[in-house]
């Protein structure tokens, strides 16, 4: 079973996701689409769609008409997704991608995309997906892959220990085999190049201050839980770190950067 996320968490992170997305990759994607001969709507397959955050970000920024296939194993989340602009059609594909990632691609797919997905999947799973994309000649855009950086505007003695434990936990199985975790974007870019793609990659970091303290608190809670799973003997100290960091963020005393990368591949 693949890892699940609730709608409240997805809504909490969406503003940070959208503000982090780099304009440079969008410009390159639009240029690539303009060079491509196309009849009918632009076909987009969005993997791990959730409630449609990636749809809401990308659809208004791409040429219409479009037809999106939204893919997720959670039918309840998919039901919340609606077309954000005129000229965009959608269908919902409910299924577990873990077995065969290429199964969700339709013959009309021109762009395969996903957000906050690749750090959850295994290298073997990603290789199978990208091979399917190359065989079909699709463009590829994967956004917001966590790259392992958790950076604070001032230091705490446990910051490095927490980051290391979180990154080790990120490599555990999330339902697709041993996860790529912080290496996901780099591995994706290298495999795309090996398949003959032109590859661009940009940072898409979250920058969290007092105005996003609720998002920061949720992250901190998750990180402490992950770190405690890796180092249970350090549970008390890790909990204390979490309390101190959440309180400082809520008071506006610190700011937080969470590292992500986006990867674009043009065949």
Protein backbone atom coordinates (compact mmCIF):
# COMPACT_ATOMS: atom_id res chain seq x y z
CA UNK A 1 0.00 0.00 0.00
CA UNK A 2 1.38 3.39 -0.95
CA UNK A 3 1.74 6.16 1.61
CA UNK A 4 -1.40 8.26 2.16
CA UNK A 5 -1.81 11.95 2.97
CA UNK A 6 -4.89 13.63 4.36
CA UNK A 7 -6.68 16.53 2.72
CA UNK A 8 -5.89 18.94 5.56
CA UNK A 9 -2.14 18.42 5.16
CA UNK A 10 -2.38 18.82 1.38
CA UNK A 11 -4.31 22.09 1.80
CA UNK A 12 -1.81 23.37 4.37
CA UNK A 13 1.17 22.82 2.11
CA UNK A 14 -0.37 24.01 -1.17
CA UNK A 15 0.45 27.76 -0.83
CA UNK A 16 4.09 26.96 -0.02
CA UNK A 17 4.22 24.50 -2.92
CA UNK A 18 2.87 27.00 -5.43
CA UNK A 19 5.06 29.90 -4.33
CA UNK A 20 8.16 27.68 -4.51
CA UNK A 21 7.72 26.57 -8.13
CA UNK A 22 10.43 28.03 -10.44
CA UNK A 23 9.34 30.13 -13.43
CA UNK A 24 12.36 29.06 -15.49
CA UNK A 25 11.17 25.49 -15.94
CA UNK A 26 7.70 26.64 -16.94
CA UNK A 27 9.19 28.84 -19.64
CA UNK A 28 11.20 25.91 -20.98
CA UNK A 29 8.17 23.62 -20.85
CA UNK A 30 6.01 26.09 -22.76
CA UNK A 31 8.75 26.51 -25.37
CA UNK A 32 8.98 22.74 -25.75
CA UNK A 33 5.23 22.46 -26.19
CA UNK A 34 5.27 25.22 -28.80
CA UNK A 35 7.82 23.25 -30.86
CA UNK A 36 5.74 20.08 -30.74
CA UNK A 37 3.18 19.27 -33.40
CA UNK A 38 -0.10 18.63 -31.66
CA UNK A 39 -3.66 17.87 -32.64
CA UNK A 40 -6.39 17.98 -30.03
CA UNK A 41 -6.07 18.88 -26.35
CA UNK A 42 -2.76 18.80 -24.53
CA UNK A 43 -2.76 15.45 -22.73
CA UNK A 44 -1.34 15.55 -19.19
CA UNK A 45 -1.00 12.63 -16.78
CA UNK A 46 -0.52 13.74 -13.17
CA UNK A 47 0.79 11.01 -10.87
CA UNK A 48 -0.08 11.12 -7.17
CA UNK A 49 -2.60 13.89 -7.77
CA UNK A 50 -4.23 14.04 -4.34
CA UNK A 51 -6.80 16.83 -4.41
CA UNK A 52 -5.34 18.37 -7.59
CA UNK A 53 -2.76 20.89 -6.37
CA UNK A 54 -0.47 20.29 -9.35
CA UNK A 55 -3.47 20.68 -11.68
CA UNK A 56 -4.39 23.98 -10.01
CA UNK A 57 -0.85 25.27 -10.44
CA UNK A 58 -0.01 24.10 -13.95
CA UNK A 59 -3.29 24.22 -15.88
CA UNK A 60 -3.64 28.04 -15.89
CA UNK A 61 -0.02 28.33 -17.04
CA UNK A 62 -0.20 25.95 -20.03
CA UNK A 63 -1.92 26.34 -23.41
CA UNK A 64 -5.52 25.22 -23.67
CA UNK A 65 -7.34 23.06 -24.48
CA UNK A 66 -5.99 20.46 -22.06
CA UNK A 67 -7.09 17.04 -20.88
CA UNK A 68 -5.74 15.82 -17.54
CA UNK A 69 -5.66 12.27 -16.21
CA UNK A 70 -5.43 12.56 -12.41
CA UNK A 71 -3.94 9.45 -10.82
CA UNK A 72 -4.09 8.48 -7.15
CA UNK A 73 -4.97 5.47 -5.03
CA UNK A 74 -7.27 7.62 -2.84
CA UNK A 75 -10.63 8.12 -4.56
CA UNK A 76 -11.79 10.50 -1.83
CA UNK A 77 -8.94 12.91 -2.52
CA UNK A 78 -9.45 12.72 -6.28
CA UNK A 79 -13.13 13.63 -5.94
CA UNK A 80 -12.05 17.03 -4.59
CA UNK A 81 -10.15 17.91 -7.76
CA UNK A 82 -11.94 20.14 -10.29
CA UNK A 83 -10.76 21.92 -13.42
CA UNK A 84 -9.41 25.34 -12.36
CA UNK A 85 -9.96 27.13 -15.70
CA UNK A 86 -12.11 26.84 -18.80
CA UNK A 87 -10.83 24.57 -21.53
CA UNK A 88 -9.47 21.94 -19.13
CA UNK A 89 -11.05 18.50 -18.98
CA UNK A 90 -10.19 15.89 -16.37
CA UNK A 91 -10.69 12.23 -15.68
CA UNK A 92 -9.78 10.38 -12.51
CA UNK A 93 -7.79 7.14 -12.52
CA UNK A 94 -7.98 5.37 -9.17
CA UNK A 95 -5.34 2.72 -8.70
CA UNK A 96 -2.14 1.74 -6.96
CA UNK A 97 0.84 2.82 -9.06
CA UNK A 98 3.30 0.70 -7.14
CA UNK A 99 2.96 -2.36 -9.39
CA UNK A 100 3.42 -0.79 -12.82
CA UNK A 101 3.89 2.97 -13.01
CA UNK A 102 3.38 3.20 -16.76
CA UNK A 103 -0.11 1.71 -16.59
CA UNK A 104 -1.73 5.09 -15.94
CA UNK A 105 -0.32 6.74 -19.06
CA UNK A 106 -2.86 7.18 -21.84
CA UNK A 107 -2.05 7.21 -25.54
CA UNK A 108 -2.85 10.94 -25.51
CA UNK A 109 -0.29 11.79 -22.83
CA UNK A 110 2.14 14.51 -23.92
CA UNK A 111 3.31 15.55 -20.43
CA UNK A 112 3.83 13.32 -17.41
CA UNK A 113 4.00 15.26 -14.18
CA UNK A 114 3.84 14.86 -10.43
CA UNK A 115 4.52 16.94 -7.33
CA UNK A 116 6.05 15.78 -4.04
CA UNK A 117 6.19 12.25 -5.42
CA UNK A 118 9.68 11.17 -6.47
CA UNK A 119 11.25 11.19 -3.00
CA UNK A 120 8.72 8.47 -2.04
CA UNK A 121 9.51 6.04 -4.85
CA UNK A 122 12.31 3.55 -5.44
CA UNK A 123 14.99 3.79 -8.09
CA UNK A 124 13.61 0.67 -9.77
CA UNK A 125 10.09 2.14 -9.88
CA UNK A 126 11.38 5.43 -11.28
CA UNK A 127 13.42 3.66 -13.94
CA UNK A 128 10.34 1.78 -15.13
CA UNK A 129 8.27 4.96 -15.25
CA UNK A 130 10.87 6.96 -17.15
CA UNK A 131 11.39 4.14 -19.63
CA UNK A 132 7.65 4.15 -20.30
CA UNK A 133 7.77 7.93 -20.78
CA UNK A 134 10.70 7.65 -23.19
CA UNK A 135 8.99 4.89 -25.15
CA UNK A 136 5.97 7.15 -25.58
CA UNK A 137 8.02 10.30 -26.20
CA UNK A 138 6.39 12.28 -23.40
CA UNK A 139 7.73 15.36 -21.68
CA UNK A 140 8.40 15.01 -17.96
CA UNK A 141 8.05 17.53 -15.13
CA UNK A 142 8.47 16.43 -11.53
CA UNK A 143 8.16 19.14 -8.89
CA UNK A 144 8.97 19.56 -5.22
CA UNK A 145 11.16 16.54 -4.54
CA UNK A 146 12.65 16.92 -1.05
CA UNK A 147 16.45 17.13 -1.36
CA UNK A 148 17.43 16.64 2.28
CA UNK A 149 18.09 20.26 3.31
CA UNK A 150 16.45 21.49 6.53
CA UNK A 151 17.97 24.88 7.25
CA UNK A 152 17.21 27.37 10.02
CA UNK A 153 18.11 31.05 10.21
CA UNK A 154 19.90 30.34 13.49
CA UNK A 155 21.38 27.13 14.81
CA UNK A 156 20.32 24.64 17.47
CA UNK A 157 22.65 21.91 18.77
CA UNK A 158 20.32 19.15 17.52
CA UNK A 159 19.65 20.50 14.01
CA UNK A 160 22.21 18.29 12.26
CA UNK A 161 21.18 15.17 14.19
CA UNK A 162 17.51 15.75 13.36
CA UNK A 163 18.24 16.34 9.68
CA UNK A 164 20.36 13.20 9.43
CA UNK A 165 17.70 11.05 11.09
CA UNK A 166 14.94 12.48 8.89
CA UNK A 167 16.96 11.81 5.75
CA UNK A 168 17.62 8.23 6.79
CA UNK A 169 13.89 7.77 7.42
CA UNK A 170 13.16 9.25 3.98
CA UNK A 171 14.99 6.28 2.43
CA UNK A 172 12.62 3.73 4.00
CA UNK A 173 9.93 1.95 1.99
CA UNK A 174 6.91 4.20 1.31
CA UNK A 175 5.08 1.54 -0.70
CA UNK A 176 7.23 1.59 -3.86
CA UNK A 177 10.33 -0.17 -2.51
CA UNK A 178 13.31 1.51 -0.79
CA UNK A 179 12.64 5.22 -1.33
CA UNK A 180 15.02 7.53 -3.17
CA UNK A 181 14.46 10.20 -0.53
CA UNK A 182 16.84 13.16 -0.86
CA UNK A 183 18.52 11.71 -3.97
CA UNK A 184 15.31 11.60 -6.02
CA UNK A 185 15.76 14.67 -8.21
CA UNK A 186 19.40 13.87 -8.98
CA UNK A 187 18.61 10.27 -9.88
CA UNK A 188 15.68 11.38 -12.03
CA UNK A 189 17.82 13.88 -13.93
CA UNK A 190 20.59 11.33 -14.54
CA UNK A 191 18.19 8.69 -15.80
CA UNK A 192 16.44 11.14 -18.11
CA UNK A 193 19.78 12.15 -19.62
CA UNK A 194 20.65 8.48 -20.15
CA UNK A 195 17.36 8.12 -22.03
CA UNK A 196 18.27 11.00 -24.34
CA UNK A 197 16.27 13.78 -22.70
CA UNK A 198 17.30 17.41 -22.44
CA UNK A 199 17.18 18.01 -18.68
CA UNK A 200 16.82 21.16 -16.59
CA UNK A 201 16.61 21.29 -12.80
CA UNK A 202 15.93 24.16 -10.38
CA UNK A 203 15.50 24.54 -6.65
CA UNK A 204 11.94 24.93 -5.40
CA UNK A 205 12.57 25.57 -1.72
CA UNK A 206 9.91 26.25 0.86
CA UNK A 207 10.68 29.39 2.87
CA UNK A 208 8.67 29.32 6.07
CA UNK A 209 8.36 32.18 8.55
CA UNK A 210 5.86 33.21 11.20
CA UNK A 211 3.14 33.62 8.58
CA UNK A 212 3.39 29.88 7.79
CA UNK A 213 3.87 28.78 11.40
CA UNK A 214 1.09 26.18 11.11
CA UNK A 215 2.87 24.50 8.20
CA UNK A 216 6.13 24.68 10.11
CA UNK A 217 4.56 23.10 13.20
CA UNK A 218 3.15 20.22 11.13
CA UNK A 219 6.54 19.64 9.52
CA UNK A 220 8.30 19.68 12.86
CA UNK A 221 5.85 17.16 14.31
CA UNK A 222 6.43 14.84 11.36
CA UNK A 223 10.19 15.24 11.49
CA UNK A 224 10.35 14.49 15.20
CA UNK A 225 8.26 11.35 14.67
CA UNK A 226 10.53 10.21 11.84
CA UNK A 227 13.70 10.95 13.81
CA UNK A 228 12.39 9.12 16.89
CA UNK A 229 11.68 6.09 14.73
CA UNK A 230 15.32 6.07 13.65
CA UNK A 231 16.77 6.87 17.09
CA UNK A 232 14.25 5.93 19.80
CA UNK A 233 16.86 6.35 22.52
CA UNK A 234 16.94 10.07 21.64
CA UNK A 235 13.17 10.54 21.88
CA UNK A 236 13.14 13.00 24.79
CA UNK A 237 15.81 15.26 23.31
CA UNK A 238 14.14 15.20 19.89
CA UNK A 239 10.77 16.12 21.40
CA UNK A 240 12.41 19.03 23.22
CA UNK A 241 14.00 20.17 19.94
CA UNK A 242 10.58 20.10 18.28
CA UNK A 243 8.92 22.15 21.00
CA UNK A 244 11.71 24.74 20.96
CA UNK A 245 11.71 25.07 17.18
CA UNK A 246 7.91 25.32 16.86
CA UNK A 247 7.70 27.96 19.59
CA UNK A 248 10.52 30.03 18.07
CA UNK A 249 8.89 29.86 14.63
CA UNK A 250 5.52 30.92 16.03
CA UNK A 251 7.14 33.90 17.76
CA UNK A 252 8.87 34.97 14.55
CA UNK A 253 12.34 34.39 15.98
CA UNK A 254 13.50 31.98 13.27
CA UNK A 255 12.83 31.19 9.63
CA UNK A 256 13.03 27.79 7.98
CA UNK A 257 14.10 26.67 4.51
CA UNK A 258 13.13 23.22 3.30
CA UNK A 259 15.06 22.15 0.23
CA UNK A 260 13.26 20.84 -2.86
CA UNK A 261 14.15 20.46 -6.54
CA UNK A 262 12.09 20.38 -9.73
CA UNK A 263 13.20 18.39 -12.78
CA UNK A 264 12.08 18.96 -16.38
CA UNK A 265 12.84 16.51 -19.18
CA UNK A 266 12.21 17.27 -22.86
CA UNK A 267 12.66 14.38 -25.32
